[in-house]
Amino acid sequence: DMRENDNQFFISIELPGIKSKNVNILCNINSVSISAKKKSPRTLKKEVNQKVEMEYGIFERTIKLPKTVNPKKAVAKIRNGLFTLELPKKDYNKMVKVSVK
């Protein structure tokens, strides 16, 4: 999911069972790529899976952003299986006051 307000974008992804060390984020001013890996639990040699409903493997998403962001100020968190990413917007058209020295 992606939401926004006047100052930033918020991206939320459900990643149950994935640790923060297994999440990779690449961000530039107009897109963000998120990948994660969920490893399958080891089974004993004598065990045979009867039914498997959990998904394992690699998750990858690249999201194009409708406005430019400042990737150096991005904040990523994962808590209780919910990954969140906050991306502050960078407005290059916004007027900025410059002081004269």
C-alpha atoms as a PDB file:
ATOM      1  CA  ASP A   1       0.000   0.000   0.000  1.00  0.00           C
ATOM      2  CA  MET A   2       1.182   3.548  -0.648  1.00  0.00           C
ATOM      3  CA  ARG A   3      -0.246   6.694   0.940  1.00  0.00           C
ATOM      4  CA  GLU A   4       0.936  10.281   0.957  1.00  0.00           C
ATOM      5  CA  ASN A   5       0.453  13.578   2.700  1.00  0.00           C
ATOM      6  CA  ASP A   6       1.878  16.999   1.855  1.00  0.00           C
ATOM      7  CA  ASN A   7       5.352  16.084   3.114  1.00  0.00           C
ATOM      8  CA  GLN A   8       5.987  12.400   2.479  1.00  0.00           C
ATOM      9  CA  PHE A   9       4.996   9.029   1.067  1.00  0.00           C
ATOM     10  CA  PHE A  10       4.221   6.030   3.276  1.00  0.00           C
ATOM     11  CA  ILE A  11       4.671   2.491   1.951  1.00  0.00           C
ATOM     12  CA  SER A  12       3.385  -0.520   3.920  1.00  0.00           C
ATOM     13  CA  ILE A  13       3.972  -4.174   3.063  1.00  0.00           C
ATOM     14  CA  GLU A  14       3.024  -7.286   5.022  1.00  0.00           C
ATOM     15  CA  LEU A  15       6.154  -9.411   5.464  1.00  0.00           C
ATOM     16  CA  PRO A  16       5.269 -11.985   8.145  1.00  0.00           C
ATOM     17  CA  GLY A  17       8.162 -14.058   9.424  1.00  0.00           C
ATOM     18  CA  ILE A  18      10.838 -11.939   7.720  1.00  0.00           C
ATOM     19  CA  LYS A  19      13.624 -10.411   9.796  1.00  0.00           C
ATOM     20  CA  SER A  20      14.943  -6.908   9.106  1.00  0.00           C
ATOM     21  CA  LYS A  21      18.349  -8.306   8.085  1.00  0.00           C
ATOM     22  CA  ASN A  22      16.609 -10.098   5.178  1.00  0.00           C
ATOM     23  CA  VAL A  23      15.016  -6.933   3.746  1.00  0.00           C
ATOM     24  CA  ASN A  24      16.871  -4.861   1.132  1.00  0.00           C
ATOM     25  CA  ILE A  25      15.830  -1.379   0.020  1.00  0.00           C
ATOM     26  CA  LEU A  26      17.208   0.623  -2.905  1.00  0.00           C
ATOM     27  CA  CYS A  27      15.847   4.126  -3.337  1.00  0.00           C
ATOM     28  CA  ASN A  28      16.489   7.043  -5.665  1.00  0.00           C
ATOM     29  CA  ILE A  29      14.602  10.300  -6.146  1.00  0.00           C
ATOM     30  CA  ASN A  30      11.715   8.772  -8.124  1.00  0.00           C
ATOM     31  CA  SER A  31      11.477   5.050  -7.285  1.00  0.00           C
ATOM     32  CA  VAL A  32      12.036   2.518  -4.540  1.00  0.00           C
ATOM     33  CA  SER A  33      12.860  -1.198  -4.835  1.00  0.00           C
ATOM     34  CA  ILE A  34      12.136  -3.506  -1.932  1.00  0.00           C
ATOM     35  CA  SER A  35      13.182  -7.147  -1.761  1.00  0.00           C
ATOM     36  CA  ALA A  36      13.027  -9.699   1.024  1.00  0.00           C
ATOM     37  CA  LYS A  37      13.810 -13.358   1.476  1.00  0.00           C
ATOM     38  CA  LYS A  38      11.874 -15.804   3.627  1.00  0.00           C
ATOM     39  CA  LYS A  39      13.713 -19.053   4.190  1.00  0.00           C
ATOM     40  CA  SER A  40      11.894 -22.340   4.489  1.00  0.00           C
ATOM     41  CA  PRO A  41      12.287 -23.999   7.895  1.00  0.00           C
ATOM     42  CA  ARG A  42      14.442 -27.085   7.961  1.00  0.00           C
ATOM     43  CA  THR A  43      12.705 -30.419   8.220  1.00  0.00           C
ATOM     44  CA  LEU A  44      14.147 -33.540   9.752  1.00  0.00           C
ATOM     45  CA  LYS A  45      15.225 -36.322   7.404  1.00  0.00           C
ATOM     46  CA  LYS A  46      12.382 -38.539   8.616  1.00  0.00           C
ATOM     47  CA  GLU A  47       9.702 -35.852   8.105  1.00  0.00           C
ATOM     48  CA  VAL A  48       7.576 -35.516   4.986  1.00  0.00           C
ATOM     49  CA  ASN A  49       5.462 -32.434   4.322  1.00  0.00           C
ATOM     50  CA  GLN A  50       1.805 -33.408   4.078  1.00  0.00           C
ATOM     51  CA  LYS A  51       0.524 -29.934   3.280  1.00  0.00           C
ATOM     52  CA  VAL A  52       2.303 -26.592   2.848  1.00  0.00           C
ATOM     53  CA  GLU A  53       0.359 -23.331   2.818  1.00  0.00           C
ATOM     54  CA  MET A  54       3.091 -20.915   3.864  1.00  0.00           C
ATOM     55  CA  GLU A  55       5.045 -19.179   1.140  1.00  0.00           C
ATOM     56  CA  TYR A  56       8.825 -19.064   1.101  1.00  0.00           C
ATOM     57  CA  GLY A  57      11.281 -17.481  -1.269  1.00  0.00           C
ATOM     58  CA  ILE A  58      12.042 -14.014  -2.575  1.00  0.00           C
ATOM     59  CA  PHE A  59       9.684 -11.056  -2.631  1.00  0.00           C
ATOM     60  CA  GLU A  60      10.510  -8.095  -4.924  1.00  0.00           C
ATOM     61  CA  ARG A  61       8.655  -4.891  -5.745  1.00  0.00           C
ATOM     62  CA  THR A  62       9.711  -1.724  -7.525  1.00  0.00           C
ATOM     63  CA  ILE A  63       7.458   1.274  -7.027  1.00  0.00           C
ATOM     64  CA  LYS A  64       7.585   4.378  -9.212  1.00  0.00           C
ATOM     65  CA  LEU A  65       6.905   7.474  -7.157  1.00  0.00           C
ATOM     66  CA  PRO A  66       4.710  10.253  -8.595  1.00  0.00           C
ATOM     67  CA  LYS A  67       6.914  12.955  -7.040  1.00  0.00           C
ATOM     68  CA  THR A  68      10.593  13.234  -6.158  1.00  0.00           C
ATOM     69  CA  VAL A  69      11.769  12.179  -2.702  1.00  0.00           C
ATOM     70  CA  ASN A  70      14.874  12.625  -0.583  1.00  0.00           C
ATOM     71  CA  PRO A  71      16.227   9.051  -0.277  1.00  0.00           C
ATOM     72  CA  LYS A  72      18.865  10.076   2.277  1.00  0.00           C
ATOM     73  CA  LYS A  73      16.090  10.812   4.796  1.00  0.00           C
ATOM     74  CA  ALA A  74      14.088   7.620   4.254  1.00  0.00           C
ATOM     75  CA  VAL A  75      13.081   5.689   7.387  1.00  0.00           C
ATOM     76  CA  ALA A  76      12.319   1.948   7.232  1.00  0.00           C
ATOM     77  CA  LYS A  77      10.895  -0.211  10.031  1.00  0.00           C
ATOM     78  CA  ILE A  78       9.560  -3.722  10.419  1.00  0.00           C
ATOM     79  CA  ARG A  79       7.381  -4.627  13.377  1.00  0.00           C
ATOM     80  CA  ASN A  80       5.096  -7.608  13.895  1.00  0.00           C
ATOM     81  CA  GLY A  81       5.381  -8.571  10.228  1.00  0.00           C
ATOM     82  CA  LEU A  82       4.482  -5.106   8.913  1.00  0.00           C
ATOM     83  CA  PHE A  83       7.181  -3.294   6.940  1.00  0.00           C
ATOM     84  CA  THR A  84       6.814   0.491   6.722  1.00  0.00           C
ATOM     85  CA  LEU A  85       8.847   2.989   4.730  1.00  0.00           C
ATOM     86  CA  GLU A  86       8.606   6.758   5.068  1.00  0.00           C
ATOM     87  CA  LEU A  87       9.960   8.784   2.142  1.00  0.00           C
ATOM     88  CA  PRO A  88      10.117  12.570   2.596  1.00  0.00           C
ATOM     89  CA  LYS A  89       9.164  14.487  -0.536  1.00  0.00           C
ATOM     90  CA  LYS A  90      11.714  16.774  -2.161  1.00  0.00           C
ATOM     91  CA  ASP A  91      10.131  19.691  -3.962  1.00  0.00           C
ATOM     92  CA  TYR A  92      12.594  21.185  -6.399  1.00  0.00           C
ATOM     93  CA  ASN A  93      10.042  23.773  -7.519  1.00  0.00           C
ATOM     94  CA  LYS A  94       9.457  25.115  -4.031  1.00  0.00           C
ATOM     95  CA  MET A  95      10.816  28.603  -3.407  1.00  0.00           C
ATOM     96  CA  VAL A  96      13.580  28.695  -0.827  1.00  0.00           C
ATOM     97  CA  LYS A  97      14.824  31.835   0.882  1.00  0.00           C
ATOM     98  CA  VAL A  98      18.542  32.416   0.421  1.00  0.00           C
ATOM     99  CA  SER A  99      20.288  34.755   2.821  1.00  0.00           C
ATOM    100  CA  VAL A 100      22.921  37.197   1.622  1.00  0.00           C
ATOM    101  CA  LYS A 101      26.195  37.252   3.536  1.00  0.00           C
END
